[in-house]
Amino acid sequence: MPSCRICKQHYPQSQFVPGNGPRYLTCVRCAVEQGMVDPEEVPQLYSDELVNARMALFSRRYAPWVLVILGWSLYFSFGNSLGIWSLIFFVSLIILTLIAPVIHFFGSARFKANLLKLTP
């Protein structure tokens, strides 16, 4: 994968502005920021609103898994010695661990549909 000569990031070829001279090996984001092209000329440019919407979509998708990992880490670190609260914490972690794959599986069609809407 080529890298942008301005920001030094690696992108697929579709994310580069075609042309020679100053446009050669320049990603669309740097080309818009440098004034080489107008935002209307590059339809594959992710606007800030689109980036935020995609980030929110991915964070909603993977939040249960982060909670499971964080919960088990906290349980093994601090939760063993909390008396009755350790049992409540343990049972809730088991329930969350069993429900997270179901939520992930049943939400995959909605996630893919929303991601398709947010892809330029």
N, C-alpha and C. Protein backbone atom coordinates (compact mmCIF):
# COMPACT_ATOMS: atom_id res chain seq x y z
N MET A 1 0.84 -1.18 0.00
CA MET A 1 0.00 0.00 0.00
C MET A 1 0.88 1.24 0.00
N PRO A 2 0.57 2.18 -0.85
CA PRO A 2 1.38 3.39 -0.90
C PRO A 2 1.11 4.28 0.31
N SER A 3 2.06 5.15 0.57
CA SER A 3 1.90 6.09 1.69
C SER A 3 1.84 7.51 1.15
N CYS A 4 1.09 8.34 1.87
CA CYS A 4 0.95 9.73 1.49
C CYS A 4 2.28 10.45 1.74
N ARG A 5 2.68 11.30 0.83
CA ARG A 5 3.96 11.99 1.00
C ARG A 5 3.86 13.15 1.97
N ILE A 6 2.65 13.57 2.35
CA ILE A 6 2.49 14.69 3.28
C ILE A 6 2.31 14.18 4.71
N CYS A 7 1.33 13.29 4.91
CA CYS A 7 1.05 12.83 6.28
C CYS A 7 1.72 11.50 6.61
N LYS A 8 2.34 10.84 5.63
CA LYS A 8 3.09 9.59 5.80
C LYS A 8 2.22 8.41 6.23
N GLN A 9 0.90 8.48 6.01
CA GLN A 9 0.00 7.38 6.37
C GLN A 9 -0.18 6.45 5.17
N HIS A 10 -0.44 5.19 5.45
CA HIS A 10 -0.66 4.19 4.40
C HIS A 10 -2.15 4.08 4.12
N TYR A 11 -2.52 4.15 2.85
CA TYR A 11 -3.91 4.07 2.41
C TYR A 11 -3.98 3.18 1.18
N PRO A 12 -5.17 2.63 0.87
CA PRO A 12 -5.33 1.95 -0.41
C PRO A 12 -5.30 2.96 -1.56
N GLN A 13 -5.08 2.45 -2.75
CA GLN A 13 -4.91 3.33 -3.91
C GLN A 13 -6.13 4.19 -4.18
N SER A 14 -7.31 3.73 -3.77
CA SER A 14 -8.53 4.51 -4.02
C SER A 14 -8.60 5.79 -3.19
N GLN A 15 -7.78 5.90 -2.15
CA GLN A 15 -7.79 7.08 -1.28
C GLN A 15 -6.79 8.15 -1.71
N PHE A 16 -6.19 8.01 -2.89
CA PHE A 16 -5.22 8.98 -3.37
C PHE A 16 -5.81 9.79 -4.52
N VAL A 17 -5.38 11.05 -4.62
CA VAL A 17 -5.81 11.94 -5.69
C VAL A 17 -5.01 11.60 -6.93
N PRO A 18 -5.68 11.39 -8.07
CA PRO A 18 -4.92 11.10 -9.28
C PRO A 18 -4.23 12.35 -9.81
N GLY A 19 -3.09 12.16 -10.43
CA GLY A 19 -2.39 13.29 -11.04
C GLY A 19 -0.90 13.23 -10.80
N ASN A 20 -0.20 14.14 -11.47
CA ASN A 20 1.24 14.24 -11.33
C ASN A 20 1.59 15.54 -10.63
N GLY A 21 2.85 15.74 -10.39
CA GLY A 21 3.30 16.97 -9.74
C GLY A 21 2.97 16.97 -8.26
N PRO A 22 2.39 18.05 -7.75
CA PRO A 22 2.12 18.11 -6.31
C PRO A 22 1.00 17.15 -5.87
N ARG A 23 0.19 16.68 -6.81
CA ARG A 23 -0.89 15.76 -6.46
C ARG A 23 -0.41 14.31 -6.35
N TYR A 24 0.78 14.02 -6.84
CA TYR A 24 1.27 12.64 -6.87
C TYR A 24 1.46 12.13 -5.45
N LEU A 25 0.90 10.97 -5.17
CA LEU A 25 0.96 10.31 -3.86
C LEU A 25 0.49 11.22 -2.73
N THR A 26 -0.62 11.88 -2.95
CA THR A 26 -1.24 12.70 -1.91
C THR A 26 -2.61 12.13 -1.61
N CYS A 27 -2.88 11.83 -0.35
CA CYS A 27 -4.19 11.28 0.01
C CYS A 27 -5.24 12.38 -0.10
N VAL A 28 -6.50 11.96 -0.17
CA VAL A 28 -7.56 12.93 -0.40
C VAL A 28 -7.70 13.91 0.76
N ARG A 29 -7.48 13.45 1.98
CA ARG A 29 -7.61 14.36 3.12
C ARG A 29 -6.54 15.45 3.08
N CYS A 30 -5.30 15.07 2.81
CA CYS A 30 -4.23 16.07 2.72
C CYS A 30 -4.44 16.99 1.52
N ALA A 31 -4.95 16.44 0.41
CA ALA A 31 -5.18 17.27 -0.78
C ALA A 31 -6.25 18.31 -0.51
N VAL A 32 -7.29 17.96 0.23
CA VAL A 32 -8.33 18.93 0.57
C VAL A 32 -7.78 19.95 1.56
N GLU A 33 -7.02 19.49 2.55
CA GLU A 33 -6.46 20.42 3.55
C GLU A 33 -5.44 21.37 2.94
N GLN A 34 -4.68 20.91 1.94
CA GLN A 34 -3.67 21.74 1.29
C GLN A 34 -4.27 22.62 0.18
N GLY A 35 -5.54 22.42 -0.15
CA GLY A 35 -6.19 23.22 -1.18
C GLY A 35 -5.91 22.76 -2.60
N MET A 36 -5.43 21.54 -2.77
CA MET A 36 -5.15 21.03 -4.12
C MET A 36 -6.43 20.66 -4.86
N VAL A 37 -7.44 20.21 -4.13
CA VAL A 37 -8.72 19.83 -4.73
C VAL A 37 -9.85 20.34 -3.85
N ASP A 38 -11.03 20.46 -4.45
CA ASP A 38 -12.23 20.81 -3.69
C ASP A 38 -12.82 19.54 -3.08
N PRO A 39 -13.51 19.65 -1.96
CA PRO A 39 -14.12 18.45 -1.36
C PRO A 39 -15.15 17.78 -2.27
N GLU A 40 -15.75 18.54 -3.19
CA GLU A 40 -16.73 17.96 -4.10
C GLU A 40 -16.07 17.08 -5.16
N GLU A 41 -14.78 17.31 -5.43
CA GLU A 41 -14.07 16.54 -6.45
C GLU A 41 -13.70 15.14 -5.97
N VAL A 42 -13.65 14.93 -4.68
CA VAL A 42 -13.22 13.64 -4.14
C VAL A 42 -14.37 13.00 -3.36
N PRO A 43 -15.15 12.16 -4.01
CA PRO A 43 -16.31 11.57 -3.33
C PRO A 43 -15.92 10.56 -2.25
N GLN A 44 -14.69 10.04 -2.29
CA GLN A 44 -14.30 9.05 -1.30
C GLN A 44 -13.76 9.68 -0.02
N LEU A 45 -13.82 11.00 0.09
CA LEU A 45 -13.34 11.68 1.30
C LEU A 45 -14.33 11.46 2.44
N TYR A 46 -13.81 11.06 3.58
CA TYR A 46 -14.63 10.91 4.78
C TYR A 46 -14.67 12.26 5.49
N SER A 47 -15.84 12.86 5.59
CA SER A 47 -15.96 14.12 6.31
C SER A 47 -15.88 13.83 7.81
N ASP A 48 -15.72 14.89 8.60
CA ASP A 48 -15.61 14.71 10.04
C ASP A 48 -16.89 14.13 10.63
N GLU A 49 -18.04 14.54 10.11
CA GLU A 49 -19.31 14.00 10.60
C GLU A 49 -19.42 12.51 10.29
N LEU A 50 -18.96 12.13 9.10
CA LEU A 50 -19.00 10.73 8.71
C LEU A 50 -18.04 9.90 9.55
N VAL A 51 -16.88 10.43 9.82
CA VAL A 51 -15.91 9.73 10.67
C VAL A 51 -16.47 9.54 12.07
N ASN A 52 -17.09 10.57 12.63
CA ASN A 52 -17.68 10.46 13.96
C ASN A 52 -18.83 9.47 13.99
N ALA A 53 -19.65 9.46 12.94
CA ALA A 53 -20.76 8.51 12.89
C ALA A 53 -20.27 7.08 12.77
N ARG A 54 -19.23 6.86 11.97
CA ARG A 54 -18.67 5.51 11.85
C ARG A 54 -18.01 5.07 13.15
N MET A 55 -17.34 5.98 13.84
CA MET A 55 -16.71 5.63 15.11
C MET A 55 -17.76 5.28 16.16
N ALA A 56 -18.86 6.03 16.18
CA ALA A 56 -19.95 5.72 17.12
C ALA A 56 -20.58 4.37 16.79
N LEU A 57 -20.71 4.07 15.51
CA LEU A 57 -21.29 2.79 15.11
C LEU A 57 -20.40 1.63 15.55
N PHE A 58 -19.10 1.75 15.33
CA PHE A 58 -18.19 0.69 15.75
C PHE A 58 -18.10 0.58 17.27
N SER A 59 -18.17 1.69 17.97
CA SER A 59 -18.10 1.63 19.43
C SER A 59 -19.36 0.99 20.01
N ARG A 60 -20.52 1.24 19.41
CA ARG A 60 -21.74 0.55 19.85
C ARG A 60 -21.67 -0.93 19.54
N ARG A 61 -21.04 -1.29 18.45
CA ARG A 61 -20.95 -2.69 18.04
C ARG A 61 -20.08 -3.49 19.00
N TYR A 62 -18.96 -2.93 19.42
CA TYR A 62 -18.00 -3.69 20.21
C TYR A 62 -18.00 -3.33 21.69
N ALA A 63 -18.92 -2.52 22.15
CA ALA A 63 -18.99 -2.15 23.56
C ALA A 63 -19.24 -3.35 24.48
N PRO A 64 -20.13 -4.30 24.14
CA PRO A 64 -20.30 -5.44 25.05
C PRO A 64 -19.03 -6.26 25.24
N TRP A 65 -18.23 -6.40 24.20
CA TRP A 65 -16.99 -7.16 24.34
C TRP A 65 -15.98 -6.42 25.22
N VAL A 66 -15.93 -5.12 25.09
CA VAL A 66 -15.04 -4.33 25.95
C VAL A 66 -15.48 -4.44 27.40
N LEU A 67 -16.80 -4.41 27.63
CA LEU A 67 -17.31 -4.55 28.99
C LEU A 67 -16.99 -5.93 29.57
N VAL A 68 -17.09 -6.97 28.76
CA VAL A 68 -16.77 -8.32 29.24
C VAL A 68 -15.29 -8.41 29.63
N ILE A 69 -14.42 -7.93 28.77
CA ILE A 69 -12.98 -8.00 29.06
C ILE A 69 -12.62 -7.14 30.26
N LEU A 70 -13.16 -5.95 30.32
CA LEU A 70 -12.89 -5.06 31.45
C LEU A 70 -13.47 -5.64 32.74
N GLY A 71 -14.66 -6.20 32.67
CA GLY A 71 -15.28 -6.78 33.86
C GLY A 71 -14.50 -7.95 34.41
N TRP A 72 -14.08 -8.86 33.53
CA TRP A 72 -13.30 -10.00 34.02
C TRP A 72 -11.94 -9.56 34.55
N SER A 73 -11.35 -8.57 33.92
CA SER A 73 -10.06 -8.06 34.43
C SER A 73 -10.23 -7.46 35.82
N LEU A 74 -11.29 -6.69 36.01
CA LEU A 74 -11.53 -6.12 37.34
C LEU A 74 -11.87 -7.19 38.36
N TYR A 75 -12.62 -8.20 37.94
CA TYR A 75 -12.98 -9.27 38.87
C TYR A 75 -11.74 -10.02 39.33
N PHE A 76 -10.87 -10.38 38.40
CA PHE A 76 -9.67 -11.13 38.80
C PHE A 76 -8.67 -10.26 39.54
N SER A 77 -8.73 -8.95 39.34
CA SER A 77 -7.82 -8.05 40.05
C SER A 77 -8.31 -7.71 41.45
N PHE A 78 -9.58 -7.27 41.55
CA PHE A 78 -10.09 -6.75 42.83
C PHE A 78 -11.32 -7.48 43.35
N GLY A 79 -12.07 -8.14 42.48
CA GLY A 79 -13.39 -8.62 42.84
C GLY A 79 -13.45 -9.87 43.68
N ASN A 80 -12.35 -10.59 43.83
CA ASN A 80 -12.39 -11.84 44.59
C ASN A 80 -12.59 -11.62 46.08
N SER A 81 -12.18 -10.51 46.61
CA SER A 81 -12.18 -10.32 48.07
C SER A 81 -13.23 -9.31 48.52
N LEU A 82 -14.38 -9.27 47.87
CA LEU A 82 -15.39 -8.28 48.23
C LEU A 82 -16.56 -8.87 49.01
N GLY A 83 -16.45 -10.09 49.48
CA GLY A 83 -17.53 -10.69 50.25
C GLY A 83 -18.70 -11.06 49.36
N ILE A 84 -19.90 -10.64 49.76
CA ILE A 84 -21.11 -10.96 48.99
C ILE A 84 -21.11 -10.27 47.63
N TRP A 85 -20.43 -9.13 47.53
CA TRP A 85 -20.40 -8.41 46.25
C TRP A 85 -19.61 -9.18 45.20
N SER A 86 -18.64 -9.98 45.61
CA SER A 86 -17.89 -10.76 44.62
C SER A 86 -18.79 -11.80 43.96
N LEU A 87 -19.72 -12.39 44.72
CA LEU A 87 -20.65 -13.35 44.14
C LEU A 87 -21.60 -12.66 43.16
N ILE A 88 -22.11 -11.49 43.52
CA ILE A 88 -23.00 -10.74 42.64
C ILE A 88 -22.26 -10.30 41.38
N PHE A 89 -21.03 -9.83 41.56
CA PHE A 89 -20.19 -9.42 40.44
C PHE A 89 -19.91 -10.61 39.52
N PHE A 90 -19.62 -11.77 40.10
CA PHE A 90 -19.32 -12.98 39.34
C PHE A 90 -20.53 -13.43 38.52
N VAL A 91 -21.70 -13.46 39.12
CA VAL A 91 -22.91 -13.88 38.42
C VAL A 91 -23.25 -12.91 37.29
N SER A 92 -23.12 -11.61 37.56
CA SER A 92 -23.42 -10.64 36.50
C SER A 92 -22.41 -10.75 35.35
N LEU A 93 -21.16 -11.06 35.65
CA LEU A 93 -20.17 -11.25 34.59
C LEU A 93 -20.46 -12.49 33.76
N ILE A 94 -20.91 -13.55 34.41
CA ILE A 94 -21.26 -14.76 33.66
C ILE A 94 -22.44 -14.47 32.73
N ILE A 95 -23.45 -13.77 33.23
CA ILE A 95 -24.61 -13.43 32.40
C ILE A 95 -24.18 -12.54 31.23
N LEU A 96 -23.36 -11.54 31.50
CA LEU A 96 -22.88 -10.66 30.44
C LEU A 96 -22.04 -11.41 29.42
N THR A 97 -21.22 -12.36 29.89
CA THR A 97 -20.40 -13.15 28.98
C THR A 97 -21.25 -14.03 28.09
N LEU A 98 -22.35 -14.54 28.60
CA LEU A 98 -23.23 -15.38 27.79
C LEU A 98 -24.11 -14.57 26.85
N ILE A 99 -24.45 -13.36 27.22
CA ILE A 99 -25.34 -12.53 26.39
C ILE A 99 -24.58 -11.78 25.30
N ALA A 100 -23.31 -11.45 25.53
CA ALA A 100 -22.54 -10.64 24.56
C ALA A 100 -22.46 -11.28 23.17
N PRO A 101 -22.18 -12.58 23.03
CA PRO A 101 -22.16 -13.14 21.66
C PRO A 101 -23.52 -13.12 20.98
N VAL A 102 -24.59 -13.29 21.77
CA VAL A 102 -25.94 -13.25 21.20
C VAL A 102 -26.25 -11.85 20.68
N ILE A 103 -25.92 -10.84 21.47
CA ILE A 103 -26.13 -9.46 21.04
C ILE A 103 -25.30 -9.15 19.80
N HIS A 104 -24.06 -9.63 19.79
CA HIS A 104 -23.18 -9.39 18.65
C HIS A 104 -23.73 -10.06 17.39
N PHE A 105 -24.20 -11.30 17.51
CA PHE A 105 -24.70 -12.04 16.36
C PHE A 105 -26.00 -11.43 15.83
N PHE A 106 -26.94 -11.12 16.71
CA PHE A 106 -28.22 -10.59 16.27
C PHE A 106 -28.12 -9.15 15.75
N GLY A 107 -27.10 -8.42 16.15
CA GLY A 107 -26.94 -7.05 15.68
C GLY A 107 -26.11 -6.92 14.43
N SER A 108 -25.63 -8.03 13.87
CA SER A 108 -24.72 -7.94 12.73
C SER A 108 -25.41 -7.41 11.48
N ALA A 109 -26.65 -7.79 11.23
CA ALA A 109 -27.34 -7.30 10.03
C ALA A 109 -27.60 -5.80 10.12
N ARG A 110 -28.02 -5.34 11.29
CA ARG A 110 -28.26 -3.90 11.48
C ARG A 110 -26.95 -3.12 11.37
N PHE A 111 -25.86 -3.69 11.93
CA PHE A 111 -24.56 -3.03 11.85
C PHE A 111 -24.10 -2.90 10.39
N LYS A 112 -24.23 -3.98 9.63
CA LYS A 112 -23.80 -3.93 8.23
C LYS A 112 -24.65 -2.96 7.42
N ALA A 113 -25.94 -2.89 7.71
CA ALA A 113 -26.80 -1.94 6.99
C ALA A 113 -26.43 -0.50 7.33
N ASN A 114 -26.19 -0.22 8.60
CA ASN A 114 -25.79 1.14 8.98
C ASN A 114 -24.41 1.49 8.44
N LEU A 115 -23.50 0.52 8.41
CA LEU A 115 -22.17 0.78 7.87
C LEU A 115 -22.24 1.05 6.37
N LEU A 116 -23.12 0.36 5.68
CA LEU A 116 -23.29 0.59 4.25
C LEU A 116 -23.83 1.99 3.99
N LYS A 117 -24.69 2.49 4.87
CA LYS A 117 -25.20 3.86 4.73
C LYS A 117 -24.10 4.89 4.95
N LEU A 118 -23.13 4.56 5.80
CA LEU A 118 -22.08 5.51 6.16
C LEU A 118 -20.82 5.36 5.32
N THR A 119 -20.85 4.52 4.30
CA THR A 119 -19.69 4.34 3.44
C THR A 119 -19.86 5.19 2.19
N PRO A 120 -18.90 6.08 1.92
CA PRO A 120 -19.05 6.95 0.74
C PRO A 120 -18.89 6.18 -0.56
